[in-house]
Amino acid sequence: MAYDNEVVMRAFRLYAELSLSGVAEKDRLQEYMADDEVRGLVDQFAREVDCVTLSAGDQLYMIPLVRLSPFHVSNDYLKKTYLRAQAVNADLYLLYLTIITFIGAFYDSYQSMEPTRNFIPLDEWTALVHERIETLKEHDPEELKAYEREFSYNWSAIIEKWDSMDDIKETAKRQTGNTISRLSFMDTARRFLLDMQLAEEVGAGELTLTDKASIVVQRYFMELEYNRGILQFLYRFNDEKRAIRERKEEEAYAGDK
């Protein structure tokens, strides 16, 4: 299909803006929505770099769909920008887990497509991360290693990193990676989510999902193609335990009658 040069240049300018900052404001969103040809070209440009465009509120976003996309946040960038200079891969794995847990807190452990709460306090988020890690510990060590190969996540390293951190105080056990406290680490995760416009503060120590985050979750995060079954792995074991506990409670109640 042949496009007018003016249409191509408008689409390219919009794509260039998205590629630089990942977001375009209201007037650019209106231009994108109003012209089918411009929208089609911008979407095509985005697909060429393994990204997708989506609108949320009054803004237009371009987000990477795969880790190999040139616009994906690299591990080196995360280490330099959010983690300490001595950070190791275990710090990155733990950061990913905190983000997955944060999103899961709003979606009833990924069982719903719509958020089931309005906000989460930082201390509750921290407690949920601890709960996820305690659940990981309940897996057989050999089984956990098998899951590490399947998902390319070093679950054992996540457990060790979290356990090495002091629960409250800023003093923590020394180890490779210059470990910090749990609260400090959670604050790092908070800053990352705010910077990526995936969360916003609604009160002292309280965070909520942004429109951008909600749309990303609904369209892509729930799909096995993109999350590789990691969500099911993290939450299935806990769901099975809950089902067993509820069944035992029902049996005990029936026995008392």
Foldseek 3Di string as FASTA:
>chain_A
DDDDPVLLVLLVVLLVVCLVQQKDFQVNVCVLVPDPSSVVNNQVVLVVQQWGWDDFDRMIGIGHQDCNRPSHQDPVNCCVPQADVQADVLLVLLLVLLVLLQVCQQAVLLPHLGGPDFKDFLVVSLVSSVVLLVLLVPDDPVVLVVVCVQQVGNSVSNNVLQVQADADDQDGHDDRRRHGHSSSSSVSSVVVCVSVQQWDDDDVRMIGGGRVNSVCCNPPVSDCVRNVCPSCVSCVSVVVVVVVVVVVVVVVVVVVD
